[in-house]
Amino acid sequence: VKKLKVRREYGCKTCFDKCNFCNGLGRSRKTIQLGPFRQTVEQTCSSCSGSGKVYTKIESCVKCDSNGIIKEDSIFEIVIDKAVENGKLFIFRDWGEQPVRENEIAGSFIVTVNILKHEHFERDGLHLKYKVVLDLRESIVGKQILIPYFSEPIHLNTSGFGVINPNKEYIVFGKGLVNKCGENGDLRIRFEIVYKDRSFNQDELTLLNETFDKINF
């Protein structure tokens, strides 16, 4: 839950009156004689600076304390649901930029949810993506890994997946995010295999081949 204080300011209707020079339009028209021709030019009203209103200070105005501007504060409570999507908008109408002219409407106060990158996880809807780095030996015989999940760490031995394929995604069901409706995502693990920079002599190659033959690999 986030609470945000917002102030909006708008002209006091008691102290501001319609500009008689432009009839509240904020624009005035001027006709220029150019020889036998006439040209009508529209420009910002110099009397009200385009606002369409003029300030007629009323000393006893209690609405704005004779300042001509009413300031109004409000506290907005934003309830952010778990598993909220990035970019979700909270819109509070009429609390943005306030109208200046009669034919304008007030803007909105808009709050956008921006989800920062996580140290360990990438998000895909309700699913979480996690990367694990293994060396060649670990990708074959397995490795005990610890995934820093939110409620409690997940202990996992990769040998349960068999020989790790770096082009494959491995899924731990139900260990993604949970939304307000109780829907679960999954934890999707990708493995990166790091190979040692080394070569083998003939005896080592023979031993490796014999070992692979024994286990039918």
Protein backbone atom coordinates (compact mmCIF):
# COMPACT_ATOMS: atom_id res chain seq x y z
CA VAL A 1 0.00 0.00 0.00
CA LYS A 2 1.39 3.40 -1.05
CA LYS A 3 0.03 6.75 0.07
CA LEU A 4 0.68 9.82 -2.04
CA LYS A 5 -0.17 13.41 -1.21
CA VAL A 6 -1.24 15.55 -4.17
CA ARG A 7 -2.10 19.24 -4.36
CA ARG A 8 -4.18 20.82 -7.09
CA GLU A 9 -4.55 24.54 -7.63
CA TYR A 10 -7.28 26.28 -9.59
CA GLY A 11 -8.68 29.75 -9.98
CA CYS A 12 -11.33 30.89 -7.56
CA LYS A 13 -14.60 31.27 -9.44
CA THR A 14 -15.62 34.04 -7.08
CA CYS A 15 -12.52 36.14 -7.73
CA PHE A 16 -12.09 35.34 -11.42
CA ASP A 17 -14.53 36.62 -13.99
CA LYS A 18 -14.86 36.14 -17.73
CA CYS A 19 -12.63 38.42 -19.75
CA ASN A 20 -14.85 40.92 -21.55
CA PHE A 21 -12.18 41.69 -24.12
CA CYS A 22 -12.20 38.17 -25.63
CA ASN A 23 -15.52 37.01 -24.14
CA GLY A 24 -13.73 34.27 -22.22
CA LEU A 25 -12.23 32.61 -25.31
CA GLY A 26 -8.64 33.54 -24.58
CA ARG A 27 -8.15 34.57 -28.21
CA SER A 28 -8.90 37.83 -29.91
CA ARG A 29 -9.27 38.71 -33.56
CA LYS A 30 -7.79 41.75 -35.20
CA THR A 31 -8.55 42.96 -38.69
CA ILE A 32 -5.66 44.52 -40.61
CA GLN A 33 -6.20 46.68 -43.69
CA LEU A 34 -3.66 45.89 -46.40
CA GLY A 35 -4.47 48.28 -49.22
CA PRO A 36 -7.66 47.05 -50.84
CA PHE A 37 -7.55 43.83 -48.80
CA ARG A 38 -8.42 43.01 -45.23
CA GLN A 39 -6.74 40.28 -43.19
CA THR A 40 -8.13 38.87 -39.95
CA VAL A 41 -5.47 37.72 -37.49
CA GLU A 42 -6.21 35.63 -34.40
CA GLN A 43 -3.91 36.06 -31.43
CA THR A 44 -3.68 35.41 -27.71
CA CYS A 45 -5.77 37.85 -25.76
CA SER A 46 -3.46 40.43 -24.22
CA SER A 47 -5.94 41.27 -21.49
CA CYS A 48 -6.15 37.79 -19.93
CA SER A 49 -2.99 36.20 -21.43
CA GLY A 50 -5.08 33.50 -23.05
CA SER A 51 -6.81 32.27 -19.90
CA GLY A 52 -10.18 33.77 -20.76
CA LYS A 53 -10.49 35.07 -17.21
CA VAL A 54 -9.46 38.17 -15.35
CA TYR A 55 -8.73 38.45 -11.66
CA THR A 56 -11.03 40.77 -9.77
CA LYS A 57 -9.74 40.56 -6.23
CA ILE A 58 -12.44 40.34 -3.61
CA GLU A 59 -11.04 41.28 -0.22
CA SER A 60 -13.54 39.27 1.77
CA CYS A 61 -13.39 36.00 -0.28
CA VAL A 62 -13.25 33.10 2.14
CA LYS A 63 -12.83 30.44 -0.54
CA CYS A 64 -9.34 31.51 -1.58
CA ASP A 65 -8.47 33.90 1.25
CA SER A 66 -8.48 36.67 -1.37
CA ASN A 67 -5.51 35.10 -3.21
CA GLY A 68 -7.47 34.17 -6.33
CA ILE A 69 -6.12 30.59 -6.19
CA ILE A 70 -7.70 27.70 -4.31
CA LYS A 71 -5.28 25.04 -3.09
CA GLU A 72 -6.68 21.62 -2.32
CA ASP A 73 -4.75 18.67 -0.89
CA SER A 74 -5.73 15.02 -0.92
CA ILE A 75 -4.14 11.72 0.10
CA PHE A 76 -4.45 8.91 -2.43
CA GLU A 77 -4.04 5.34 -1.27
CA ILE A 78 -2.72 2.98 -3.92
CA VAL A 79 -3.22 -0.72 -3.26
CA ILE A 80 -0.70 -2.73 -5.27
CA ASP A 81 -1.77 -6.35 -5.65
CA LYS A 82 0.82 -9.11 -5.54
CA ALA A 83 2.07 -10.16 -8.97
CA VAL A 84 1.08 -6.74 -10.35
CA GLU A 85 2.01 -6.27 -14.00
CA ASN A 86 4.65 -3.78 -15.02
CA GLY A 87 3.08 -0.60 -16.42
CA LYS A 88 -0.20 -0.88 -14.50
CA LEU A 89 -1.89 2.52 -14.20
CA PHE A 90 -3.76 4.04 -11.29
CA ILE A 91 -5.83 6.97 -12.59
CA PHE A 92 -7.35 9.66 -10.38
CA ARG A 93 -9.49 11.90 -12.55
CA ASP A 94 -9.60 15.68 -12.16
CA TRP A 95 -6.42 15.74 -10.03
CA GLY A 96 -3.98 16.61 -12.80
CA GLU A 97 -3.44 19.93 -14.55
CA GLN A 98 -6.42 22.17 -13.90
CA PRO A 99 -8.36 23.91 -16.69
CA VAL A 100 -7.64 27.50 -17.55
CA ARG A 101 -10.40 28.23 -20.03
CA GLU A 102 -14.12 27.51 -19.82
CA ASN A 103 -14.07 24.85 -22.55
CA GLU A 104 -11.23 22.83 -20.98
CA ILE A 105 -11.46 19.90 -18.59
CA ALA A 106 -9.14 18.93 -15.76
CA GLY A 107 -6.40 16.39 -16.36
CA SER A 108 -5.80 13.26 -14.32
CA PHE A 109 -3.22 12.28 -11.74
CA ILE A 110 -1.71 9.05 -13.09
CA VAL A 111 0.53 6.66 -11.18
CA THR A 112 2.48 4.06 -13.18
CA VAL A 113 3.90 0.88 -11.63
CA ASN A 114 7.50 0.37 -12.71
CA ILE A 115 8.95 -2.99 -11.66
CA LEU A 116 12.71 -2.92 -11.19
CA LYS A 117 14.97 -5.72 -12.36
CA HIS A 118 15.59 -8.45 -9.79
CA GLU A 119 19.03 -9.68 -8.85
CA HIS A 120 18.24 -13.34 -9.58
CA PHE A 121 14.95 -13.64 -11.45
CA GLU A 122 13.45 -12.52 -14.72
CA ARG A 123 9.71 -12.27 -14.98
CA ASP A 124 7.39 -13.58 -17.68
CA GLY A 125 3.83 -12.93 -16.51
CA LEU A 126 3.43 -15.16 -13.44
CA HIS A 127 6.42 -17.31 -14.44
CA LEU A 128 9.93 -16.71 -13.10
CA LYS A 129 13.10 -17.38 -15.09
CA TYR A 130 16.33 -18.32 -13.34
CA LYS A 131 19.78 -19.04 -14.78
CA VAL A 132 22.24 -21.57 -13.33
CA VAL A 133 25.87 -21.89 -14.44
CA LEU A 134 27.41 -25.40 -14.43
CA ASP A 135 30.66 -26.82 -15.68
CA LEU A 136 30.72 -29.86 -17.99
CA ARG A 137 31.20 -32.37 -15.18
CA GLU A 138 28.35 -30.89 -13.11
CA SER A 139 26.07 -30.95 -16.16
CA ILE A 140 26.58 -34.73 -16.33
CA VAL A 141 26.90 -35.96 -12.72
CA GLY A 142 24.71 -33.25 -11.19
CA LYS A 143 25.14 -30.53 -8.62
CA GLN A 144 23.29 -29.48 -5.49
CA ILE A 145 22.07 -25.93 -6.08
CA LEU A 146 20.26 -23.40 -3.90
CA ILE A 147 17.72 -21.11 -5.54
CA PRO A 148 16.95 -18.00 -3.40
CA TYR A 149 13.17 -18.22 -3.66
CA PHE A 150 11.10 -15.62 -1.80
CA SER A 151 9.32 -17.64 0.89
CA GLU A 152 12.15 -20.12 1.45
CA PRO A 153 15.19 -21.26 -0.57
CA ILE A 154 14.70 -24.13 -3.01
CA HIS A 155 17.22 -26.96 -2.68
CA LEU A 156 17.63 -28.81 -5.95
CA ASN A 157 19.96 -31.52 -7.23
CA THR A 158 20.35 -31.18 -10.98
CA SER A 159 21.02 -34.91 -11.34
CA GLY A 160 17.25 -35.34 -11.16
CA PHE A 161 17.05 -33.77 -14.61
CA GLY A 162 19.58 -36.19 -16.11
CA VAL A 163 22.28 -34.81 -18.41
CA ILE A 164 21.63 -31.08 -18.61
CA ASN A 165 20.78 -29.67 -22.02
CA PRO A 166 21.64 -25.93 -22.18
CA ASN A 167 19.08 -25.48 -24.98
CA LYS A 168 16.25 -26.78 -22.86
CA GLU A 169 14.12 -25.10 -20.18
CA TYR A 170 13.56 -27.04 -16.96
CA ILE A 171 10.38 -26.37 -14.99
CA VAL A 172 9.69 -26.46 -11.25
CA PHE A 173 5.91 -26.29 -11.15
CA GLY A 174 4.11 -23.85 -8.85
CA LYS A 175 7.22 -21.91 -7.83
CA GLY A 176 6.51 -18.75 -9.81
CA LEU A 177 4.45 -15.79 -8.66
CA VAL A 178 0.95 -16.02 -7.19
CA ASN A 179 -1.63 -13.39 -8.10
CA LYS A 180 -4.59 -12.15 -6.05
CA CYS A 181 -6.84 -14.83 -7.61
CA GLY A 182 -4.53 -17.60 -6.36
CA GLU A 183 -3.17 -18.47 -9.82
CA ASN A 184 0.37 -19.84 -9.76
CA GLY A 185 3.22 -19.46 -12.18
CA ASP A 186 6.19 -21.80 -12.56
CA LEU A 187 9.92 -21.49 -12.03
CA ARG A 188 11.69 -21.99 -15.35
CA ILE A 189 15.39 -22.80 -15.14
CA ARG A 190 17.95 -22.34 -17.91
CA PHE A 191 21.42 -23.83 -17.56
CA GLU A 192 24.60 -22.35 -18.95
CA ILE A 193 27.41 -24.86 -19.42
CA VAL A 194 30.97 -23.58 -19.05
CA TYR A 195 33.63 -25.74 -20.71
CA LYS A 196 37.21 -25.92 -19.47
CA ASP A 197 39.89 -24.92 -21.93
CA ARG A 198 41.93 -28.12 -22.09
CA SER A 199 42.82 -31.05 -24.33
CA PHE A 200 43.28 -34.81 -23.67
CA ASN A 201 46.07 -37.19 -24.51
CA GLN A 202 45.38 -40.54 -26.12
CA ASP A 203 45.29 -42.48 -22.83
CA GLU A 204 42.75 -40.04 -21.39
CA LEU A 205 40.61 -40.25 -24.50
CA THR A 206 40.70 -44.05 -24.33
CA LEU A 207 39.66 -43.95 -20.67
CA LEU A 208 36.82 -41.55 -21.43
CA ASN A 209 35.56 -43.71 -24.29
CA GLU A 210 35.70 -46.85 -22.17
CA THR A 211 33.80 -45.12 -19.38
CA PHE A 212 31.14 -43.84 -21.76
CA ASP A 213 30.81 -47.33 -23.27
CA LYS A 214 30.28 -48.84 -19.81
CA ILE A 215 27.40 -46.51 -19.04
CA ASN A 216 26.08 -46.61 -22.63
CA PHE A 217 26.50 -42.85 -23.00
